[in-house]
Protein backbone atom coordinates (compact mmCIF):
# COMPACT_ATOMS: atom_id res chain seq x y z
CA MET A 1 7.12 18.85 5.63
CA THR A 2 10.16 17.40 4.34
CA THR A 3 11.48 18.83 1.02
CA LYS A 4 12.38 16.28 -1.50
CA LYS A 5 15.70 16.67 -3.29
CA SER A 6 17.37 14.73 -5.88
CA ALA A 7 20.54 15.42 -4.02
CA ASN A 8 19.52 12.59 -1.70
CA SER A 9 21.32 10.31 -4.05
CA GLN A 10 25.04 9.87 -3.97
CA PRO A 11 26.83 10.83 -7.27
CA GLY A 12 28.38 8.27 -9.40
CA ARG A 13 26.02 5.43 -8.38
CA GLU A 14 23.50 3.63 -10.60
CA LEU A 15 19.99 4.56 -9.63
CA ASP A 16 17.90 1.91 -11.19
CA ASN A 17 14.91 1.35 -8.93
CA THR A 18 14.20 -2.36 -9.92
CA GLY A 19 17.88 -3.10 -9.50
CA LEU A 20 17.92 -1.59 -5.97
CA ILE A 21 14.99 -3.75 -4.85
CA GLU A 22 16.75 -6.79 -6.21
CA ALA A 23 19.99 -5.97 -4.57
CA PHE A 24 18.20 -5.44 -1.20
CA ILE A 25 16.35 -8.75 -1.60
CA GLU A 26 19.56 -10.52 -2.38
CA MET A 27 21.16 -9.06 0.64
CA MET A 28 18.27 -10.20 2.92
CA SER A 29 18.44 -13.68 1.46
CA VAL A 30 22.20 -14.09 1.66
CA GLU A 31 23.22 -12.09 4.65
CA ARG A 32 20.19 -12.37 7.02
CA ALA A 33 18.83 -15.69 5.68
CA ALA A 34 15.35 -14.28 5.52
CA ALA A 35 12.51 -16.77 4.82
CA ALA A 36 11.31 -17.18 1.19
CA ASN A 37 7.83 -15.72 2.13
CA THR A 38 9.31 -12.73 3.85
CA LEU A 39 11.47 -12.06 0.72
CA LYS A 40 8.35 -12.23 -1.43
CA ASN A 41 6.33 -10.03 0.72
CA TYR A 42 9.25 -7.30 0.94
CA GLY A 43 9.63 -7.32 -2.88
CA ARG A 44 5.81 -6.89 -3.32
CA ASP A 45 5.53 -4.06 -0.89
CA LEU A 46 8.50 -2.33 -2.26
CA LEU A 47 7.15 -2.52 -5.90
CA ARG A 48 3.94 -1.00 -4.68
CA PHE A 49 5.68 1.76 -2.93
CA ARG A 50 7.75 2.48 -6.04
CA ALA A 51 4.62 2.78 -8.05
CA PHE A 52 3.23 5.15 -5.48
CA ALA A 53 6.33 7.24 -5.56
CA HIS A 54 6.30 7.40 -9.25
CA ALA A 55 2.79 8.74 -9.29
CA ARG A 56 4.01 11.47 -7.05
CA GLY A 57 6.94 12.25 -9.47
CA GLU A 58 9.62 10.65 -7.40
CA SER A 59 11.79 7.65 -7.42
CA LEU A 60 12.87 5.29 -4.57
CA VAL A 61 16.03 7.38 -4.20
CA THR A 62 14.41 10.77 -4.10
CA VAL A 63 11.46 10.34 -1.90
CA GLY A 64 11.28 11.97 1.37
CA ALA A 65 9.63 11.39 4.71
CA ASP A 66 6.48 13.08 3.59
CA ASP A 67 6.15 10.63 0.72
CA ILE A 68 6.40 7.59 3.11
CA SER A 69 3.95 9.24 5.55
CA ALA A 70 1.38 9.74 2.66
CA TRP A 71 1.65 6.11 1.66
CA LEU A 72 1.09 4.91 5.13
CA GLU A 73 -1.88 7.26 5.43
CA GLN A 74 -3.20 5.93 2.15
CA LEU A 75 -2.91 2.37 3.55
CA SER A 76 -4.78 3.48 6.71
CA GLN A 77 -7.57 4.84 4.63
CA GLN A 78 -7.78 1.61 2.67
CA GLY A 79 -8.51 -0.16 5.88
CA ILE A 80 -5.16 -1.87 6.20
CA ALA A 81 -4.71 -3.39 9.73
CA ALA A 82 -2.14 -1.75 11.95
CA SER A 83 -0.21 -5.06 12.13
CA THR A 84 -0.05 -5.20 8.34
CA ALA A 85 1.04 -1.54 8.10
CA ALA A 86 3.81 -2.24 10.70
CA LEU A 87 5.18 -5.05 8.47
CA LYS A 88 5.15 -2.79 5.47
CA THR A 89 6.89 0.01 7.50
CA SER A 90 9.49 -2.49 8.57
CA ALA A 91 10.14 -3.39 4.82
CA LEU A 92 10.68 0.26 4.07
CA ARG A 93 12.92 0.91 7.15
CA GLN A 94 15.18 -2.06 6.24
CA PHE A 95 15.32 -1.07 2.54
CA TYR A 96 16.18 2.54 3.18
CA GLN A 97 18.86 1.52 5.80
CA PHE A 98 20.36 -0.73 3.04
CA LEU A 99 20.34 2.16 0.52
CA TYR A 100 21.97 4.50 3.06
CA SER A 101 24.54 2.04 4.15
CA GLU A 102 25.45 1.17 0.50
CA GLY A 103 25.72 4.79 -0.48
CA TYR A 104 22.79 5.06 -2.76
CA ARG A 105 21.25 7.77 -0.48
CA ALA A 106 22.79 10.36 1.82
CA ASP A 107 20.04 10.00 4.35
CA ASN A 108 17.43 7.48 5.56
CA PRO A 109 13.97 9.12 5.04
CA THR A 110 12.31 6.50 7.35
CA SER A 111 14.23 7.67 10.45
CA ALA A 112 11.57 10.22 11.16
CA ILE A 113 8.64 7.93 10.61
CA ALA A 114 6.77 6.63 13.64
CA ARG A 115 6.19 3.05 13.97
CA PRO A 116 2.43 1.94 13.77
CA LYS A 117 1.30 1.07 17.18
CA VAL A 118 0.16 -2.56 17.10
CA GLU A 119 -1.68 -4.31 20.03
CA ARG A 120 -0.49 -7.90 19.88
CA PRO A 121 -3.53 -10.19 20.53
CA LEU A 122 -3.03 -12.81 23.16
CA PRO A 123 -2.61 -16.21 21.59
CA LYS A 124 -5.40 -18.83 21.69
CA ILE A 125 -4.75 -21.66 24.06
CA LEU A 126 -6.30 -24.89 25.07
CA THR A 127 -6.68 -26.13 28.77
CA ASN A 128 -4.90 -29.18 29.98
CA GLU A 129 -8.10 -31.05 29.99
CA GLU A 130 -8.77 -30.15 26.28
CA VAL A 131 -5.21 -31.19 25.29
CA GLU A 132 -5.77 -34.53 27.05
CA ALA A 133 -9.01 -35.06 25.29
CA ILE A 134 -7.26 -34.58 21.94
CA PHE A 135 -4.67 -37.26 22.92
CA VAL A 136 -7.46 -39.67 24.01
CA ALA A 137 -9.36 -39.11 20.68
CA ALA A 138 -6.07 -39.62 18.65
CA GLN A 139 -5.30 -42.96 20.66
CA GLN A 140 -8.71 -44.27 19.27
CA MET A 141 -7.44 -43.86 15.71
CA GLU A 142 -6.69 -47.25 14.30
CA GLY A 143 -3.79 -48.54 12.16
CA PRO A 144 -0.63 -46.84 11.11
CA LYS A 145 -2.19 -43.51 10.68
CA GLY A 146 -3.33 -43.59 14.25
CA VAL A 147 0.29 -44.36 15.37
CA ARG A 148 1.61 -41.63 13.18
CA MET A 149 -0.92 -39.08 14.61
CA MET A 150 0.12 -39.97 18.16
CA ALA A 151 3.72 -39.42 17.29
CA LEU A 152 2.99 -36.09 15.69
CA LEU A 153 0.99 -34.95 18.63
CA GLU A 154 3.54 -36.01 21.19
CA VAL A 155 6.43 -34.42 19.51
CA LEU A 156 4.50 -31.16 18.76
CA TYR A 157 3.18 -30.91 22.45
CA ALA A 158 6.45 -32.04 24.01
CA ALA A 159 8.77 -29.73 22.03
CA GLY A 160 6.48 -26.73 21.03
CA LEU A 161 7.47 -26.95 17.42
CA ARG A 162 6.19 -24.77 14.63
CA VAL A 163 4.12 -26.97 12.30
CA SER A 164 6.64 -26.32 9.44
CA GLU A 165 9.35 -27.64 11.74
CA LEU A 166 7.33 -30.59 12.76
CA VAL A 167 6.49 -31.90 9.36
CA GLY A 168 9.95 -31.01 8.07
CA LEU A 169 11.85 -33.06 10.69
CA PRO A 170 14.59 -35.21 9.00
CA LEU A 171 14.89 -38.69 10.13
CA ALA A 172 18.29 -37.83 11.66
CA ALA A 173 16.59 -35.34 13.89
CA ILE A 174 16.12 -38.02 16.70
CA ARG A 175 18.63 -40.57 17.50
CA LYS A 176 18.08 -43.75 19.37
CA GLY A 177 18.97 -43.72 23.02
CA GLU A 178 18.69 -39.86 23.16
CA ARG A 179 15.77 -37.69 24.40
CA LEU A 180 16.99 -34.50 22.38
CA LEU A 181 15.40 -33.48 19.00
CA LEU A 182 17.56 -31.47 16.70
CA VAL A 183 15.19 -28.81 15.11
CA ARG A 184 16.07 -26.49 12.24
CA GLY A 185 13.84 -23.41 12.67
CA LYS A 186 13.58 -19.96 10.99
CA GLY A 187 16.64 -18.70 9.31
CA ASP A 188 18.09 -22.32 9.18
CA LYS A 189 19.04 -21.86 12.83
CA GLU A 190 19.35 -25.14 14.76
CA ARG A 191 18.32 -25.86 18.32
CA LEU A 192 18.16 -28.93 20.54
CA THR A 193 14.89 -29.50 22.18
CA PRO A 194 14.28 -32.02 25.00
CA LEU A 195 11.55 -34.69 24.62
CA THR A 196 9.56 -36.45 27.20
CA GLU A 197 10.03 -40.22 27.65
CA ARG A 198 6.40 -40.66 26.59
CA ALA A 199 7.15 -38.71 23.31
CA VAL A 200 10.27 -40.73 22.63
CA ALA A 201 8.52 -44.04 23.14
CA THR A 202 5.63 -42.95 20.80
CA VAL A 203 8.06 -42.02 18.16
CA TYR A 204 9.87 -45.45 18.36
CA ARG A 205 6.43 -47.15 18.13
CA TYR A 206 5.73 -45.10 15.01
CA MET A 207 9.11 -46.08 13.47
CA ASP A 208 7.80 -49.57 13.21
CA GLN A 209 4.87 -48.30 11.13
CA ARG A 210 6.77 -45.62 9.24
CA HIS A 211 7.22 -47.89 6.12
CA HIS A 212 3.53 -47.57 5.40
CA PHE A 213 3.99 -43.85 4.37
CA LEU A 214 6.96 -44.40 2.04
CA LYS A 215 6.72 -44.20 -1.69
CA VAL A 216 6.67 -47.34 -3.78
CA HIS A 217 8.45 -47.48 -7.19
CA ASN A 218 8.22 -50.58 -9.50
CA GLY A 219 7.16 -52.64 -6.36
CA GLN A 220 10.13 -51.38 -4.32
CA VAL A 221 9.81 -49.26 -1.20
CA LYS A 222 11.91 -46.18 -1.59
CA SER A 223 13.79 -44.73 1.32
CA SER A 224 13.08 -41.14 2.62
CA LYS A 225 15.08 -38.61 4.61
CA TRP A 226 12.01 -37.42 6.34
CA LEU A 227 10.84 -38.56 9.76
CA PHE A 228 7.16 -38.21 8.58
CA PRO A 229 7.31 -39.16 4.90
CA SER A 230 4.48 -39.13 2.49
CA ARG A 231 3.80 -40.07 -1.09
CA GLY A 232 2.95 -36.50 -2.11
CA LYS A 233 5.22 -34.15 -4.04
CA THR A 234 6.92 -32.75 -1.00
CA GLY A 235 7.96 -36.09 0.25
CA HIS A 236 6.82 -35.46 3.58
CA LEU A 237 3.44 -34.85 5.45
CA THR A 238 2.34 -31.33 4.62
CA ALA A 239 1.38 -28.63 7.20
CA ALA A 240 -2.07 -28.26 5.70
CA ARG A 241 -2.69 -32.07 5.82
CA PHE A 242 -1.73 -32.27 9.32
CA ALA A 243 -3.91 -29.23 10.38
CA GLN A 244 -6.70 -31.10 8.79
CA LEU A 245 -6.16 -34.27 10.58
CA LEU A 246 -5.77 -32.28 13.87
CA LYS A 247 -9.12 -30.79 13.34
CA ASP A 248 -10.66 -34.15 12.66
CA VAL A 249 -9.12 -35.33 15.97
CA ALA A 250 -10.64 -32.30 17.65
CA VAL A 251 -14.29 -33.23 16.52
CA GLN A 252 -13.78 -36.66 17.88
CA ALA A 253 -12.72 -35.09 21.11
CA GLY A 254 -15.72 -32.85 21.27
CA ILE A 255 -13.82 -29.64 20.77
CA PRO A 256 -14.81 -27.14 18.15
CA PRO A 257 -12.38 -27.59 15.26
CA SER A 258 -12.07 -23.77 14.76
CA LYS A 259 -10.48 -23.74 18.20
CA VAL A 260 -7.64 -26.14 17.35
CA SER A 261 -4.75 -25.80 15.04
CA PRO A 262 -1.01 -26.95 15.16
CA HIS A 263 -0.07 -23.36 16.33
CA VAL A 264 -2.71 -23.43 19.07
CA LEU A 265 -0.96 -26.58 20.52
CA ARG A 266 2.34 -24.72 20.30
CA HIS A 267 0.71 -21.90 22.45
CA ALA A 268 -0.63 -24.48 24.82
CA PHE A 269 2.91 -26.04 25.23
CA ALA A 270 4.47 -22.63 26.06
CA THR A 271 1.52 -21.52 28.32
CA HIS A 272 1.36 -24.90 30.26
CA LEU A 273 5.19 -24.87 30.81
CA LEU A 274 5.13 -21.40 32.23
CA GLU A 275 2.15 -22.29 34.51
CA GLY A 276 4.31 -25.14 35.59
CA GLY A 277 7.22 -23.03 36.65
CA ALA A 278 9.36 -22.87 33.55
CA ASP A 279 11.55 -19.73 33.30
CA LEU A 280 11.18 -17.44 30.25
CA LYS A 281 14.69 -17.86 28.91
CA SER A 282 14.41 -21.60 28.76
CA LEU A 283 11.11 -21.17 27.08
CA GLN A 284 12.60 -18.79 24.59
CA GLN A 285 15.22 -21.30 23.54
CA MET A 286 12.72 -24.25 23.28
CA LEU A 287 10.35 -22.25 21.05
CA GLY A 288 13.30 -20.90 18.90
CA HIS A 289 12.36 -17.25 19.37
CA ALA A 290 15.16 -14.81 18.29
CA ASP A 291 13.81 -12.11 20.68
CA ILE A 292 12.50 -12.80 24.06
CA THR A 293 9.89 -10.05 23.74
CA THR A 294 8.10 -12.43 21.52
CA THR A 295 8.15 -15.07 24.32
CA GLN A 296 6.94 -12.66 26.98
CA ILE A 297 3.46 -12.61 25.63
CA TYR A 298 2.92 -16.18 27.23
CA THR A 299 3.42 -14.51 30.72
CA HIS A 300 0.34 -12.50 30.11
CA VAL A 301 -1.60 -15.45 28.97
CA ALA A 302 -0.53 -17.52 32.10
CA GLN A 303 -1.26 -14.64 34.42
CA ASP A 304 -4.80 -14.19 32.93
CA ARG A 305 -5.43 -17.96 33.43
CA LEU A 306 -4.23 -18.03 36.90
CA ARG A 307 -6.51 -14.95 37.68
CA GLU A 308 -9.42 -16.71 36.18
CA LEU A 309 -8.62 -19.88 38.27
CA VAL A 310 -8.59 -17.76 41.48
CA PHE A 311 -11.84 -15.94 40.64
CA THR A 312 -13.80 -18.93 39.54
CA ARG A 313 -12.42 -21.98 41.33
CA HIS A 314 -11.17 -20.61 44.65
CA PRO A 315 -13.34 -22.14 47.42
CA LEU A 316 -14.13 -18.70 48.85
CA ALA A 317 -14.49 -16.92 45.36
CA ASN A 318 -18.18 -16.94 45.21
CA LYS A 319 -19.01 -16.81 48.92
CA GLN A 320 -20.55 -13.59 50.18
CA GLU A 321 -19.59 -12.39 53.60
CA LYS A 322 -22.39 -12.91 56.16
CA PRO A 323 -23.47 -9.96 58.18
CA GLU A 324 -22.67 -10.31 61.92
């Protein structure tokens, strides 16, 4: 068991626990452009660990590996999922690496902590037939909302966007005469994603109806910088609203709504591209994944589907050999 020593802290440095957390959160925001939700979760987890450390008579700068192990063991006993524990461990690792690099500690107590093993579940996907059924159902929607729904679906399935990226597309993301979509993803990183001719044509049809979703003030239609504007507080269609509209379309298509979400369509885009022969590196760029290991999970999905096709649809799959 690691012995805890106050000598872990470097002399001459201010050891205010709250200030250290705030400094770390600021660094993550400014230098690493971490998402607001990530910053919120990190701050919450670090405050909870600080309270745990205080209960053991320690501070953030005096805890040892045994304190961290005890905290993780407590999370396990509380029934915290391994995936959640892994995220909390990641927050501690990055925090203590920050303290070490900034000279607040002479060591990094998380270096001896094993990473929780997490089995990543395979993503839910839709078959080609189910995706086509969703598009057919959307085509039957009448009026401007139907045209907008088709544009949303075409862009989402053609580019594999995250739902936040889709509803937050600026009007300038698509330019007339071009089949490239400029997408701002996680960490404000931009990427260019190709669109199909069908998707582009659908968006242009929607542009003729876009004015129906703009705000009106004193009888005047106000302009909007969003591709999919709305009259709500955000100024654009929200992710939650689009998800609900998608489930409504799924019902019309005869597909259980619990099986359909914007993220499931993103998974379908990735899996269907791989099945069609796309290479993993190109898929990574289109999905906006920072690490290709995140993209590799789709290879398992594609392989499982191909295996199922062979076992269930091959003409000889269910035929028994006849004795001679």
